[in-house]
Amino acid sequence: MDTNRYGVLLVTVVAVLMAGIVALLTRHSWADKDTTKSSSRSLIAGATTSTFGAPSTTTRSSTTVALPLPNSSTTARTATTKTSTVTTIRGSSGTTVTTGTGPPPSSTTSTTKVPTGTFDQRSDNDASFRYGPQPQDRDAGSQGPTSSKGSLTYIVRGQADSDASWHLTADIRNNTGREVRFDGGIDAVIHLLCNSKSSDQQLHNPTVTSMPAGGGVILQADINPVDTGPGTCTLYGTIHYSTA
């Protein structure tokens, strides 16, 4: 009876020991698997980091170029007071037009900056002169009273130099406070009425396409007489320009 009891007890102890050993082995097996998975994940993460890398925080340097400031000066250039001939051209009709600079006309307009645009302006004055075949029929002409008609100072004059030649002058000064432009060149048109005979004479210079603020030109032309006379010729001028 005691022998059987000891035998059962021995079998029980052996079974408990075997169960403990099996449990221990199972735990080590799962630990190894977790370690393998962890290593695998680490390798995969390392490969990903190595392939793509971390986002770069380096920024490209930029270069700032200092541009010149716009000229804010509103000082106008003054016209040259010394008389000088710029150029002489001959039109298709044989009329000679001389362009030059000279002293300002007797009527001046204060410089006021006007808006940009395109304008047509009448001369500030009307003029007149006597003409005819005899010297006593002719005179040096009269400039006539002046009054401002626009942003340009625009004075016209006329004179009968002889019974075969008349002399016309257009004195133009820029008082706009801006650059003035003339498409195709400056073109002052002088309108004459002589003993009911009318004529339009163009004092044109294609080389003068612009005029600075405060600048000016004098256009002169010798033309054939409109009428033989004796009589009196009246005249005025018109001009087309734009401001920039």
C-alpha atoms as a PDB file:
ATOM      1  CA  MET A   1       0.000   0.000   0.000  1.00  0.00           C
ATOM      2  CA  ASP A   2       2.825   2.459   0.878  1.00  0.00           C
ATOM      3  CA  THR A   3       4.633   1.388  -2.238  1.00  0.00           C
ATOM      4  CA  ASN A   4       1.695   2.372  -4.432  1.00  0.00           C
ATOM      5  CA  ARG A   5       1.374   5.717  -2.636  1.00  0.00           C
ATOM      6  CA  TYR A   6       5.039   6.509  -3.244  1.00  0.00           C
ATOM      7  CA  GLY A   7       4.703   5.425  -6.840  1.00  0.00           C
ATOM      8  CA  VAL A   8       1.756   7.759  -7.432  1.00  0.00           C
ATOM      9  CA  LEU A   9       3.584  10.595  -5.687  1.00  0.00           C
ATOM     10  CA  LEU A  10       6.658  10.052  -7.824  1.00  0.00           C
ATOM     11  CA  VAL A  11       4.615  10.041 -11.013  1.00  0.00           C
ATOM     12  CA  THR A  12       2.931  13.289  -9.948  1.00  0.00           C
ATOM     13  CA  VAL A  13       6.247  15.004  -9.216  1.00  0.00           C
ATOM     14  CA  VAL A  14       7.656  13.869 -12.521  1.00  0.00           C
ATOM     15  CA  ALA A  15       4.570  15.154 -14.346  1.00  0.00           C
ATOM     16  CA  VAL A  16       4.814  18.523 -12.594  1.00  0.00           C
ATOM     17  CA  LEU A  17       8.510  18.786 -13.484  1.00  0.00           C
ATOM     18  CA  MET A  18       7.803  17.872 -17.108  1.00  0.00           C
ATOM     19  CA  ALA A  19       5.022  20.455 -17.304  1.00  0.00           C
ATOM     20  CA  GLY A  20       7.362  23.096 -15.894  1.00  0.00           C
ATOM     21  CA  ILE A  21      10.062  22.233 -18.394  1.00  0.00           C
ATOM     22  CA  VAL A  22       7.575  22.365 -21.283  1.00  0.00           C
ATOM     23  CA  ALA A  23       6.276  25.751 -20.107  1.00  0.00           C
ATOM     24  CA  LEU A  24       9.811  27.104 -19.796  1.00  0.00           C
ATOM     25  CA  LEU A  25      10.727  25.922 -23.278  1.00  0.00           C
ATOM     26  CA  THR A  26       7.521  27.435 -24.729  1.00  0.00           C
ATOM     27  CA  ARG A  27       8.253  30.822 -23.111  1.00  0.00           C
ATOM     28  CA  HIS A  28      11.789  30.920 -24.560  1.00  0.00           C
ATOM     29  CA  SER A  29      10.406  30.028 -27.999  1.00  0.00           C
ATOM     30  CA  TRP A  30       7.938  32.956 -27.941  1.00  0.00           C
ATOM     31  CA  ALA A  31      10.653  35.312 -26.687  1.00  0.00           C
ATOM     32  CA  ASP A  32      12.875  34.333 -29.592  1.00  0.00           C
ATOM     33  CA  LYS A  33      10.028  34.994 -32.046  1.00  0.00           C
ATOM     34  CA  ASP A  34       9.388  38.471 -30.548  1.00  0.00           C
ATOM     35  CA  THR A  35      13.096  39.273 -30.793  1.00  0.00           C
ATOM     36  CA  THR A  36      13.157  38.180 -34.443  1.00  0.00           C
ATOM     37  CA  LYS A  37      10.100  40.290 -35.279  1.00  0.00           C
ATOM     38  CA  SER A  38      11.574  43.288 -33.458  1.00  0.00           C
ATOM     39  CA  SER A  39      14.850  42.898 -35.331  1.00  0.00           C
ATOM     40  CA  SER A  40      12.969  42.549 -38.596  1.00  0.00           C
ATOM     41  CA  ARG A  41      10.980  45.703 -37.918  1.00  0.00           C
ATOM     42  CA  SER A  42      14.149  47.524 -36.988  1.00  0.00           C
ATOM     43  CA  LEU A  43      15.825  46.448 -40.195  1.00  0.00           C
ATOM     44  CA  ILE A  44      12.821  47.478 -42.281  1.00  0.00           C
ATOM     45  CA  ALA A  45      12.648  50.869 -40.540  1.00  0.00           C
ATOM     46  CA  GLY A  46      16.370  51.327 -41.032  1.00  0.00           C
ATOM     47  CA  ALA A  47      16.066  50.500 -44.709  1.00  0.00           C
ATOM     48  CA  THR A  48      13.240  53.007 -45.107  1.00  0.00           C
ATOM     49  CA  THR A  49      15.206  55.728 -43.378  1.00  0.00           C
ATOM     50  CA  SER A  50      18.268  54.952 -45.432  1.00  0.00           C
ATOM     51  CA  THR A  51      16.337  54.970 -48.712  1.00  0.00           C
ATOM     52  CA  PHE A  52      14.319  58.194 -48.311  1.00  0.00           C
ATOM     53  CA  GLY A  53      16.158  59.980 -45.551  1.00  0.00           C
ATOM     54  CA  ALA A  54      14.807  62.733 -43.337  1.00  0.00           C
ATOM     55  CA  PRO A  55      13.404  65.888 -44.948  1.00  0.00           C
ATOM     56  CA  SER A  56      16.146  68.441 -45.569  1.00  0.00           C
ATOM     57  CA  THR A  57      15.904  71.667 -43.601  1.00  0.00           C
ATOM     58  CA  THR A  58      18.536  73.492 -45.710  1.00  0.00           C
ATOM     59  CA  THR A  59      17.109  76.485 -47.636  1.00  0.00           C
ATOM     60  CA  ARG A  60      18.607  77.946 -50.815  1.00  0.00           C
ATOM     61  CA  SER A  61      20.148  81.350 -50.407  1.00  0.00           C
ATOM     62  CA  SER A  62      18.628  84.196 -52.457  1.00  0.00           C
ATOM     63  CA  THR A  63      20.366  87.282 -53.811  1.00  0.00           C
ATOM     64  CA  THR A  64      18.644  90.672 -53.628  1.00  0.00           C
ATOM     65  CA  VAL A  65      19.631  93.081 -56.386  1.00  0.00           C
ATOM     66  CA  ALA A  66      19.213  96.737 -55.506  1.00  0.00           C
ATOM     67  CA  LEU A  67      17.432  98.538 -58.357  1.00  0.00           C
ATOM     68  CA  PRO A  68      17.976 102.271 -58.921  1.00  0.00           C
ATOM     69  CA  LEU A  69      15.267 104.437 -57.419  1.00  0.00           C
ATOM     70  CA  PRO A  70      13.085 106.388 -59.875  1.00  0.00           C
ATOM     71  CA  ASN A  71      14.107 109.961 -60.334  1.00  0.00           C
ATOM     72  CA  SER A  72      11.726 112.036 -58.262  1.00  0.00           C
ATOM     73  CA  SER A  73      13.195 115.345 -59.314  1.00  0.00           C
ATOM     74  CA  THR A  74      10.733 117.632 -61.072  1.00  0.00           C
ATOM     75  CA  THR A  75      13.321 120.210 -62.094  1.00  0.00           C
ATOM     76  CA  ALA A  76      12.691 121.147 -65.702  1.00  0.00           C
ATOM     77  CA  ARG A  77      15.516 121.667 -68.149  1.00  0.00           C
ATOM     78  CA  THR A  78      15.691 125.250 -69.342  1.00  0.00           C
ATOM     79  CA  ALA A  79      15.811 126.261 -72.952  1.00  0.00           C
ATOM     80  CA  THR A  80      19.100 127.431 -74.422  1.00  0.00           C
ATOM     81  CA  THR A  81      19.129 131.196 -74.765  1.00  0.00           C
ATOM     82  CA  LYS A  82      21.942 131.325 -77.312  1.00  0.00           C
ATOM     83  CA  THR A  83      20.616 131.365 -80.852  1.00  0.00           C
ATOM     84  CA  SER A  84      21.824 128.358 -82.828  1.00  0.00           C
ATOM     85  CA  THR A  85      20.579 126.585 -85.932  1.00  0.00           C
ATOM     86  CA  VAL A  86      19.851 122.920 -85.302  1.00  0.00           C
ATOM     87  CA  THR A  87      19.011 121.753 -88.793  1.00  0.00           C
ATOM     88  CA  THR A  88      17.696 122.966 -92.122  1.00  0.00           C
ATOM     89  CA  ILE A  89      15.399 120.825 -94.271  1.00  0.00           C
ATOM     90  CA  ARG A  90      13.742 121.414 -97.625  1.00  0.00           C
ATOM     91  CA  GLY A  91      10.162 120.315 -98.162  1.00  0.00           C
ATOM     92  CA  SER A  92       8.674 118.921-101.350  1.00  0.00           C
ATOM     93  CA  SER A  93       7.222 122.330-102.220  1.00  0.00           C
ATOM     94  CA  GLY A  94      10.631 124.003-102.039  1.00  0.00           C
ATOM     95  CA  THR A  95       9.883 125.648 -98.698  1.00  0.00           C
ATOM     96  CA  THR A  96      12.919 125.834 -96.432  1.00  0.00           C
ATOM     97  CA  VAL A  97      12.245 125.249 -92.742  1.00  0.00           C
ATOM     98  CA  THR A  98      14.925 126.153 -90.221  1.00  0.00           C
ATOM     99  CA  THR A  99      14.716 124.818 -86.685  1.00  0.00           C
ATOM    100  CA  GLY A 100      16.661 126.480 -83.904  1.00  0.00           C
ATOM    101  CA  THR A 101      16.659 127.568 -80.290  1.00  0.00           C
ATOM    102  CA  GLY A 102      16.422 131.123 -79.131  1.00  0.00           C
ATOM    103  CA  PRO A 103      15.339 133.494 -76.386  1.00  0.00           C
ATOM    104  CA  PRO A 104      11.865 132.895 -74.943  1.00  0.00           C
ATOM    105  CA  PRO A 105       9.006 134.753 -76.623  1.00  0.00           C
ATOM    106  CA  SER A 106       7.582 137.846 -74.984  1.00  0.00           C
ATOM    107  CA  SER A 107       4.584 135.898 -73.645  1.00  0.00           C
ATOM    108  CA  THR A 108       5.367 133.079 -71.235  1.00  0.00           C
ATOM    109  CA  THR A 109       3.210 130.626 -69.330  1.00  0.00           C
ATOM    110  CA  SER A 110       4.003 129.334 -65.838  1.00  0.00           C
ATOM    111  CA  THR A 111       5.021 125.690 -65.765  1.00  0.00           C
ATOM    112  CA  THR A 112       2.221 123.495 -64.421  1.00  0.00           C
ATOM    113  CA  LYS A 113       2.316 119.724 -64.684  1.00  0.00           C
ATOM    114  CA  VAL A 114      -0.602 118.708 -66.867  1.00  0.00           C
ATOM    115  CA  PRO A 115      -2.183 115.251 -67.202  1.00  0.00           C
ATOM    116  CA  THR A 116      -0.905 112.917 -69.895  1.00  0.00           C
ATOM    117  CA  GLY A 117      -2.874 112.931 -73.120  1.00  0.00           C
ATOM    118  CA  THR A 118      -3.092 114.147 -76.699  1.00  0.00           C
ATOM    119  CA  PHE A 119      -3.848 117.786 -77.467  1.00  0.00           C
ATOM    120  CA  ASP A 120      -4.478 120.250 -80.275  1.00  0.00           C
ATOM    121  CA  GLN A 121      -3.568 123.845 -79.484  1.00  0.00           C
ATOM    122  CA  ARG A 122      -4.053 127.173 -81.175  1.00  0.00           C
ATOM    123  CA  SER A 123      -1.281 129.758 -81.080  1.00  0.00           C
ATOM    124  CA  ASP A 124      -1.301 132.205 -78.165  1.00  0.00           C
ATOM    125  CA  ASN A 125      -1.558 135.087 -80.633  1.00  0.00           C
ATOM    126  CA  ASP A 126      -2.766 136.148 -84.033  1.00  0.00           C
ATOM    127  CA  ALA A 127      -0.344 138.154 -86.174  1.00  0.00           C
ATOM    128  CA  SER A 128      -0.545 140.335 -89.253  1.00  0.00           C
ATOM    129  CA  PHE A 129       1.689 142.028 -91.826  1.00  0.00           C
ATOM    130  CA  ARG A 130       1.324 144.222 -94.880  1.00  0.00           C
ATOM    131  CA  TYR A 131       2.610 143.085 -98.271  1.00  0.00           C
ATOM    132  CA  GLY A 132       2.770 144.328-101.854  1.00  0.00           C
ATOM    133  CA  PRO A 133       5.007 144.889-104.866  1.00  0.00           C
ATOM    134  CA  GLN A 134       6.516 148.099-103.498  1.00  0.00           C
ATOM    135  CA  PRO A 135       8.593 148.536-100.308  1.00  0.00           C
ATOM    136  CA  GLN A 136       6.112 151.076 -98.956  1.00  0.00           C
ATOM    137  CA  ASP A 137       3.435 148.370 -99.150  1.00  0.00           C
ATOM    138  CA  ARG A 138       5.335 146.130 -96.775  1.00  0.00           C
ATOM    139  CA  ASP A 139       6.176 146.170 -93.053  1.00  0.00           C
ATOM    140  CA  ALA A 140       7.900 144.017 -90.451  1.00  0.00           C
ATOM    141  CA  GLY A 141       4.562 142.717 -89.263  1.00  0.00           C
ATOM    142  CA  SER A 142       2.766 142.863 -85.940  1.00  0.00           C
ATOM    143  CA  GLN A 143       2.808 140.001 -83.426  1.00  0.00           C
ATOM    144  CA  GLY A 144      -0.534 140.955 -81.899  1.00  0.00           C
ATOM    145  CA  PRO A 145      -1.672 140.498 -78.277  1.00  0.00           C
ATOM    146  CA  THR A 146      -1.034 137.136 -76.672  1.00  0.00           C
ATOM    147  CA  SER A 147      -3.056 135.031 -74.260  1.00  0.00           C
ATOM    148  CA  SER A 148      -2.427 131.484 -73.114  1.00  0.00           C
ATOM    149  CA  LYS A 149      -4.308 128.914 -75.201  1.00  0.00           C
ATOM    150  CA  GLY A 150      -2.766 125.793 -73.668  1.00  0.00           C
ATOM    151  CA  SER A 151       0.242 124.251 -71.948  1.00  0.00           C
ATOM    152  CA  LEU A 152       2.633 125.249 -74.730  1.00  0.00           C
ATOM    153  CA  THR A 153       3.760 128.821 -75.259  1.00  0.00           C
ATOM    154  CA  TYR A 154       3.143 129.165 -78.994  1.00  0.00           C
ATOM    155  CA  ILE A 155       3.895 132.481 -80.732  1.00  0.00           C
ATOM    156  CA  VAL A 156       3.602 133.048 -84.497  1.00  0.00           C
ATOM    157  CA  ARG A 157       4.916 135.892 -86.678  1.00  0.00           C
ATOM    158  CA  GLY A 158       4.913 136.799 -90.358  1.00  0.00           C
ATOM    159  CA  GLN A 159       6.694 139.261 -92.597  1.00  0.00           C
ATOM    160  CA  ALA A 160       6.851 140.134 -96.285  1.00  0.00           C
ATOM    161  CA  ASP A 161      10.574 140.231 -96.992  1.00  0.00           C
ATOM    162  CA  SER A 162       9.966 141.150-100.653  1.00  0.00           C
ATOM    163  CA  ASP A 163       7.332 140.761-103.305  1.00  0.00           C
ATOM    164  CA  ALA A 164       8.758 137.274-103.972  1.00  0.00           C
ATOM    165  CA  SER A 165       9.327 135.885-100.478  1.00  0.00           C
ATOM    166  CA  TRP A 166       7.465 135.833 -97.161  1.00  0.00           C
ATOM    167  CA  HIS A 167       8.968 134.798 -93.844  1.00  0.00           C
ATOM    168  CA  LEU A 168       7.065 132.832 -91.154  1.00  0.00           C
ATOM    169  CA  THR A 169       8.160 132.019 -87.592  1.00  0.00           C
ATOM    170  CA  ALA A 170       6.702 129.722 -84.912  1.00  0.00           C
ATOM    171  CA  ASP A 171       8.261 129.924 -81.430  1.00  0.00           C
ATOM    172  CA  ILE A 172       7.195 126.960 -79.275  1.00  0.00           C
ATOM    173  CA  ARG A 173       8.054 126.406 -75.584  1.00  0.00           C
ATOM    174  CA  ASN A 174       7.108 123.432 -73.402  1.00  0.00           C
ATOM    175  CA  ASN A 175       5.438 124.499 -70.151  1.00  0.00           C
ATOM    176  CA  THR A 176       3.596 121.235 -69.493  1.00  0.00           C
ATOM    177  CA  GLY A 177       5.990 120.006 -66.787  1.00  0.00           C
ATOM    178  CA  ARG A 178       6.298 116.786 -68.827  1.00  0.00           C
ATOM    179  CA  GLU A 179       8.038 115.622 -71.965  1.00  0.00           C
ATOM    180  CA  VAL A 180       6.099 116.561 -75.087  1.00  0.00           C
ATOM    181  CA  ARG A 181       6.068 114.239 -78.101  1.00  0.00           C
ATOM    182  CA  PHE A 182       5.335 114.927 -81.769  1.00  0.00           C
ATOM    183  CA  ASP A 183       4.374 111.901 -83.873  1.00  0.00           C
ATOM    184  CA  GLY A 184       6.283 112.057 -87.130  1.00  0.00           C
ATOM    185  CA  GLY A 185       8.170 115.172 -86.020  1.00  0.00           C
ATOM    186  CA  ILE A 186       7.070 118.619 -84.882  1.00  0.00           C
ATOM    187  CA  ASP A 187       4.577 120.216 -87.256  1.00  0.00           C
ATOM    188  CA  ALA A 188       3.374 123.772 -86.640  1.00  0.00           C
ATOM    189  CA  VAL A 189       0.687 124.755 -89.134  1.00  0.00           C
ATOM    190  CA  ILE A 190       0.370 128.461 -89.957  1.00  0.00           C
ATOM    191  CA  HIS A 191      -3.033 129.509 -91.318  1.00  0.00           C
ATOM    192  CA  LEU A 192      -2.933 132.653 -93.481  1.00  0.00           C
ATOM    193  CA  LEU A 193      -5.745 134.826 -94.860  1.00  0.00           C
ATOM    194  CA  CYS A 194      -4.558 137.428 -97.362  1.00  0.00           C
ATOM    195  CA  ASN A 195      -7.104 139.532 -99.313  1.00  0.00           C
ATOM    196  CA  SER A 196      -9.658 136.692 -98.969  1.00  0.00           C
ATOM    197  CA  LYS A 197      -7.073 134.155-100.156  1.00  0.00           C
ATOM    198  CA  SER A 198      -6.285 131.454 -97.606  1.00  0.00           C
ATOM    199  CA  SER A 199      -3.284 129.179 -97.307  1.00  0.00           C
ATOM    200  CA  ASP A 200      -2.018 126.662 -94.712  1.00  0.00           C
ATOM    201  CA  GLN A 201       1.755 126.416 -94.395  1.00  0.00           C
ATOM    202  CA  GLN A 202       3.391 123.540 -92.490  1.00  0.00           C
ATOM    203  CA  LEU A 203       6.573 124.306 -90.559  1.00  0.00           C
ATOM    204  CA  HIS A 204       7.596 120.669 -90.176  1.00  0.00           C
ATOM    205  CA  ASN A 205      10.780 119.079 -88.891  1.00  0.00           C
ATOM    206  CA  PRO A 206      10.725 115.248 -88.727  1.00  0.00           C
ATOM    207  CA  THR A 207      13.885 115.111 -86.602  1.00  0.00           C
ATOM    208  CA  VAL A 208      12.266 116.921 -83.638  1.00  0.00           C
ATOM    209  CA  THR A 209      10.038 114.191 -82.213  1.00  0.00           C
ATOM    210  CA  SER A 210      10.105 115.238 -78.546  1.00  0.00           C
ATOM    211  CA  MET A 211      10.738 118.236 -76.326  1.00  0.00           C
ATOM    212  CA  PRO A 212      11.800 118.103 -72.663  1.00  0.00           C
ATOM    213  CA  ALA A 213       9.957 120.042 -69.983  1.00  0.00           C
ATOM    214  CA  GLY A 214      11.187 123.641 -70.203  1.00  0.00           C
ATOM    215  CA  GLY A 215      12.624 123.128 -73.696  1.00  0.00           C
ATOM    216  CA  GLY A 216      11.684 124.928 -76.866  1.00  0.00           C
ATOM    217  CA  VAL A 217      12.271 125.342 -80.605  1.00  0.00           C
ATOM    218  CA  ILE A 218      11.902 128.072 -83.188  1.00  0.00           C
ATOM    219  CA  LEU A 219      10.625 127.012 -86.622  1.00  0.00           C
ATOM    220  CA  GLN A 220      11.177 129.389 -89.543  1.00  0.00           C
ATOM    221  CA  ALA A 221      10.109 129.123 -93.158  1.00  0.00           C
ATOM    222  CA  ASP A 222      10.433 131.217 -96.309  1.00  0.00           C
ATOM    223  CA  ILE A 223       7.387 130.746 -98.547  1.00  0.00           C
ATOM    224  CA  ASN A 224       6.078 132.048-101.841  1.00  0.00           C
ATOM    225  CA  PRO A 225       3.601 134.948-101.481  1.00  0.00           C
ATOM    226  CA  VAL A 226      -0.049 133.915-101.181  1.00  0.00           C
ATOM    227  CA  ASP A 227      -1.211 137.137-102.872  1.00  0.00           C
ATOM    228  CA  THR A 228       0.485 139.857-104.913  1.00  0.00           C
ATOM    229  CA  GLY A 229      -1.202 142.700-103.050  1.00  0.00           C
ATOM    230  CA  PRO A 230      -0.967 145.227-101.863  1.00  0.00           C
ATOM    231  CA  GLY A 231      -2.856 144.028 -98.846  1.00  0.00           C
ATOM    232  CA  THR A 232      -2.747 142.804 -95.289  1.00  0.00           C
ATOM    233  CA  CYS A 233      -2.282 139.177 -94.290  1.00  0.00           C
ATOM    234  CA  THR A 234      -3.501 137.792 -90.949  1.00  0.00           C
ATOM    235  CA  LEU A 235      -2.270 134.503 -89.509  1.00  0.00           C
ATOM    236  CA  TYR A 236      -2.501 132.152 -86.542  1.00  0.00           C
ATOM    237  CA  GLY A 237      -1.036 128.719 -85.790  1.00  0.00           C
ATOM    238  CA  THR A 238      -2.156 125.267 -84.643  1.00  0.00           C
ATOM    239  CA  ILE A 239      -0.124 122.316 -83.385  1.00  0.00           C
ATOM    240  CA  HIS A 240      -0.769 118.703 -82.358  1.00  0.00           C
ATOM    241  CA  TYR A 241       1.196 117.009 -79.547  1.00  0.00           C
ATOM    242  CA  SER A 242       1.002 114.518 -76.712  1.00  0.00           C
ATOM    243  CA  THR A 243       2.405 114.510 -73.161  1.00  0.00           C
ATOM    244  CA  ALA A 244       4.213 111.547 -71.608  1.00  0.00           C
END
